[in-house]
């Protein structure tokens, strides 16, 4: 199991904010924004996360 470092700032949008968004197109957009925000905030862990996903065959190489 890789050692991951949690950043102090974990993104510009929270899961709570996503859930407070009305279901449908707006929430779908908020989910995408949240994912990008978290992935950016945790970018120092990118290689470790990709390796973990590949180890468990959850990664699609084309995505990386």
N, C-alpha and C. Protein backbone atom coordinates (compact mmCIF):
# COMPACT_ATOMS: atom_id res chain seq x y z
N UNK A 1 0.85 -1.17 0.00
CA UNK A 1 0.00 0.00 0.00
C UNK A 1 0.90 1.24 0.00
N UNK A 2 0.70 2.12 -0.96
CA UNK A 2 1.54 3.32 -1.02
C UNK A 2 1.21 4.30 0.10
N UNK A 3 2.21 5.06 0.48
CA UNK A 3 2.03 6.12 1.46
C UNK A 3 1.57 7.37 0.71
N UNK A 4 0.43 7.90 1.08
CA UNK A 4 -0.12 9.09 0.43
C UNK A 4 -0.05 10.26 1.40
N UNK A 5 0.17 11.43 0.86
CA UNK A 5 0.23 12.65 1.65
C UNK A 5 -1.03 13.46 1.38
N UNK A 6 -1.80 13.74 2.43
CA UNK A 6 -3.00 14.57 2.25
C UNK A 6 -2.61 16.04 2.29
N UNK A 7 -3.01 16.78 1.27
CA UNK A 7 -2.68 18.20 1.25
C UNK A 7 -3.55 18.98 2.25
N UNK A 8 -3.02 20.09 2.71
CA UNK A 8 -3.80 20.94 3.62
C UNK A 8 -5.06 21.43 2.93
N UNK A 9 -4.92 21.93 1.72
CA UNK A 9 -6.06 22.38 0.92
C UNK A 9 -6.45 21.23 0.00
N UNK A 10 -7.68 20.78 0.09
CA UNK A 10 -8.09 19.59 -0.64
C UNK A 10 -9.01 19.88 -1.82
N UNK A 11 -9.06 21.11 -2.25
CA UNK A 11 -9.84 21.45 -3.42
C UNK A 11 -10.77 22.62 -3.18
N UNK A 12 -11.22 23.19 -4.26
CA UNK A 12 -12.04 24.40 -4.19
C UNK A 12 -13.52 24.10 -3.95
N UNK A 13 -13.93 22.86 -4.13
CA UNK A 13 -15.33 22.48 -3.96
C UNK A 13 -15.37 21.22 -3.10
N UNK A 14 -16.36 21.12 -2.25
CA UNK A 14 -16.47 19.95 -1.36
C UNK A 14 -17.58 19.02 -1.84
N UNK A 15 -17.53 17.80 -1.33
CA UNK A 15 -18.59 16.83 -1.66
C UNK A 15 -19.94 17.33 -1.16
N UNK A 16 -19.94 18.02 -0.04
CA UNK A 16 -21.19 18.59 0.49
C UNK A 16 -21.78 19.59 -0.51
N UNK A 17 -20.93 20.43 -1.08
CA UNK A 17 -21.42 21.39 -2.07
C UNK A 17 -21.99 20.68 -3.29
N UNK A 18 -21.36 19.60 -3.69
CA UNK A 18 -21.88 18.83 -4.83
C UNK A 18 -23.26 18.29 -4.50
N UNK A 19 -23.41 17.70 -3.32
CA UNK A 19 -24.70 17.12 -2.93
C UNK A 19 -25.79 18.17 -2.74
N UNK A 20 -25.39 19.40 -2.46
CA UNK A 20 -26.37 20.48 -2.32
C UNK A 20 -26.85 21.01 -3.67
N UNK A 21 -26.18 20.60 -4.74
CA UNK A 21 -26.54 21.03 -6.08
C UNK A 21 -27.71 20.17 -6.58
N UNK A 22 -28.67 20.81 -7.22
CA UNK A 22 -29.84 20.09 -7.72
C UNK A 22 -29.42 18.96 -8.65
N UNK A 23 -30.08 17.82 -8.49
CA UNK A 23 -29.79 16.66 -9.33
C UNK A 23 -30.02 16.99 -10.80
N UNK A 24 -29.24 16.37 -11.65
CA UNK A 24 -29.36 16.60 -13.08
C UNK A 24 -28.08 17.16 -13.65
N UNK A 25 -28.22 17.95 -14.69
CA UNK A 25 -27.08 18.50 -15.41
C UNK A 25 -26.17 19.32 -14.51
N UNK A 26 -26.76 20.14 -13.63
CA UNK A 26 -25.95 20.98 -12.74
C UNK A 26 -25.13 20.14 -11.78
N UNK A 27 -25.73 19.08 -11.22
CA UNK A 27 -24.97 18.23 -10.30
C UNK A 27 -23.90 17.45 -11.06
N UNK A 28 -24.23 17.00 -12.26
CA UNK A 28 -23.23 16.30 -13.07
C UNK A 28 -22.01 17.19 -13.30
N UNK A 29 -22.24 18.45 -13.60
CA UNK A 29 -21.15 19.40 -13.80
C UNK A 29 -20.38 19.61 -12.49
N UNK A 30 -21.08 19.70 -11.38
CA UNK A 30 -20.43 19.89 -10.07
C UNK A 30 -19.56 18.68 -9.71
N UNK A 31 -20.02 17.49 -10.06
CA UNK A 31 -19.22 16.28 -9.81
C UNK A 31 -17.92 16.35 -10.60
N UNK A 32 -18.00 16.74 -11.85
CA UNK A 32 -16.80 16.88 -12.67
C UNK A 32 -15.85 17.93 -12.10
N UNK A 33 -16.40 19.04 -11.66
CA UNK A 33 -15.58 20.10 -11.06
C UNK A 33 -14.91 19.61 -9.78
N UNK A 34 -15.67 18.90 -8.96
CA UNK A 34 -15.13 18.36 -7.71
C UNK A 34 -13.99 17.37 -7.98
N UNK A 35 -14.19 16.47 -8.94
CA UNK A 35 -13.15 15.51 -9.28
C UNK A 35 -11.86 16.19 -9.74
N UNK A 36 -12.00 17.18 -10.61
CA UNK A 36 -10.82 17.93 -11.08
C UNK A 36 -10.13 18.65 -9.93
N UNK A 37 -10.93 19.23 -9.05
CA UNK A 37 -10.40 19.97 -7.92
C UNK A 37 -9.60 19.06 -6.97
N UNK A 38 -10.18 17.91 -6.65
CA UNK A 38 -9.51 16.97 -5.74
C UNK A 38 -8.24 16.41 -6.40
N UNK A 39 -8.34 16.03 -7.66
CA UNK A 39 -7.20 15.46 -8.37
C UNK A 39 -6.06 16.48 -8.42
N UNK A 40 -6.37 17.74 -8.66
CA UNK A 40 -5.36 18.79 -8.68
C UNK A 40 -4.74 18.98 -7.30
N UNK A 41 -5.57 19.04 -6.27
CA UNK A 41 -5.08 19.23 -4.91
C UNK A 41 -4.18 18.07 -4.47
N UNK A 42 -4.46 16.88 -4.96
CA UNK A 42 -3.71 15.69 -4.55
C UNK A 42 -2.68 15.29 -5.60
N UNK A 43 -2.27 16.21 -6.44
CA UNK A 43 -1.37 15.89 -7.55
C UNK A 43 -0.03 15.30 -7.11
N UNK A 44 0.41 15.60 -5.89
CA UNK A 44 1.67 15.01 -5.40
C UNK A 44 1.56 13.49 -5.28
N UNK A 45 0.36 12.98 -5.17
CA UNK A 45 0.12 11.54 -5.03
C UNK A 45 -0.21 10.85 -6.35
N UNK A 46 -0.17 11.58 -7.43
CA UNK A 46 -0.64 11.08 -8.72
C UNK A 46 -0.01 9.75 -9.11
N UNK A 47 1.30 9.67 -9.10
CA UNK A 47 1.98 8.45 -9.54
C UNK A 47 1.65 7.27 -8.63
N UNK A 48 1.57 7.49 -7.32
CA UNK A 48 1.24 6.42 -6.38
C UNK A 48 -0.19 5.92 -6.62
N UNK A 49 -1.10 6.82 -6.90
CA UNK A 49 -2.50 6.44 -7.15
C UNK A 49 -2.61 5.66 -8.46
N UNK A 50 -1.93 6.12 -9.48
CA UNK A 50 -1.95 5.41 -10.77
C UNK A 50 -1.38 4.01 -10.60
N UNK A 51 -0.27 3.87 -9.87
CA UNK A 51 0.34 2.56 -9.65
C UNK A 51 -0.63 1.64 -8.90
N UNK A 52 -1.32 2.17 -7.91
CA UNK A 52 -2.28 1.39 -7.14
C UNK A 52 -3.44 0.93 -8.03
N UNK A 53 -3.95 1.82 -8.85
CA UNK A 53 -5.04 1.47 -9.76
C UNK A 53 -4.60 0.40 -10.76
N UNK A 54 -3.39 0.53 -11.25
CA UNK A 54 -2.88 -0.48 -12.19
C UNK A 54 -2.69 -1.82 -11.50
N UNK A 55 -2.19 -1.79 -10.26
CA UNK A 55 -1.97 -3.03 -9.51
C UNK A 55 -3.27 -3.81 -9.36
N UNK A 56 -4.35 -3.11 -9.13
CA UNK A 56 -5.65 -3.76 -8.95
C UNK A 56 -6.46 -3.81 -10.25
N UNK A 57 -5.79 -3.47 -11.34
CA UNK A 57 -6.39 -3.51 -12.68
C UNK A 57 -7.66 -2.66 -12.78
N UNK A 58 -7.60 -1.51 -12.13
CA UNK A 58 -8.73 -0.59 -12.17
C UNK A 58 -8.45 0.59 -13.09
N UNK A 59 -7.24 0.65 -13.63
CA UNK A 59 -6.86 1.79 -14.46
C UNK A 59 -6.95 1.43 -15.93
N UNK A 60 -7.32 2.40 -16.69
CA UNK A 60 -7.29 2.27 -18.14
C UNK A 60 -6.09 3.09 -18.61
N UNK A 61 -5.04 2.46 -19.13
CA UNK A 61 -3.81 3.17 -19.49
C UNK A 61 -4.05 4.42 -20.33
N UNK A 62 -5.04 4.43 -21.18
CA UNK A 62 -5.30 5.59 -22.04
C UNK A 62 -5.66 6.83 -21.22
N UNK A 63 -6.13 6.65 -20.00
CA UNK A 63 -6.53 7.78 -19.18
C UNK A 63 -5.34 8.51 -18.57
N UNK A 64 -4.17 7.88 -18.56
CA UNK A 64 -3.00 8.48 -17.93
C UNK A 64 -1.98 8.82 -18.96
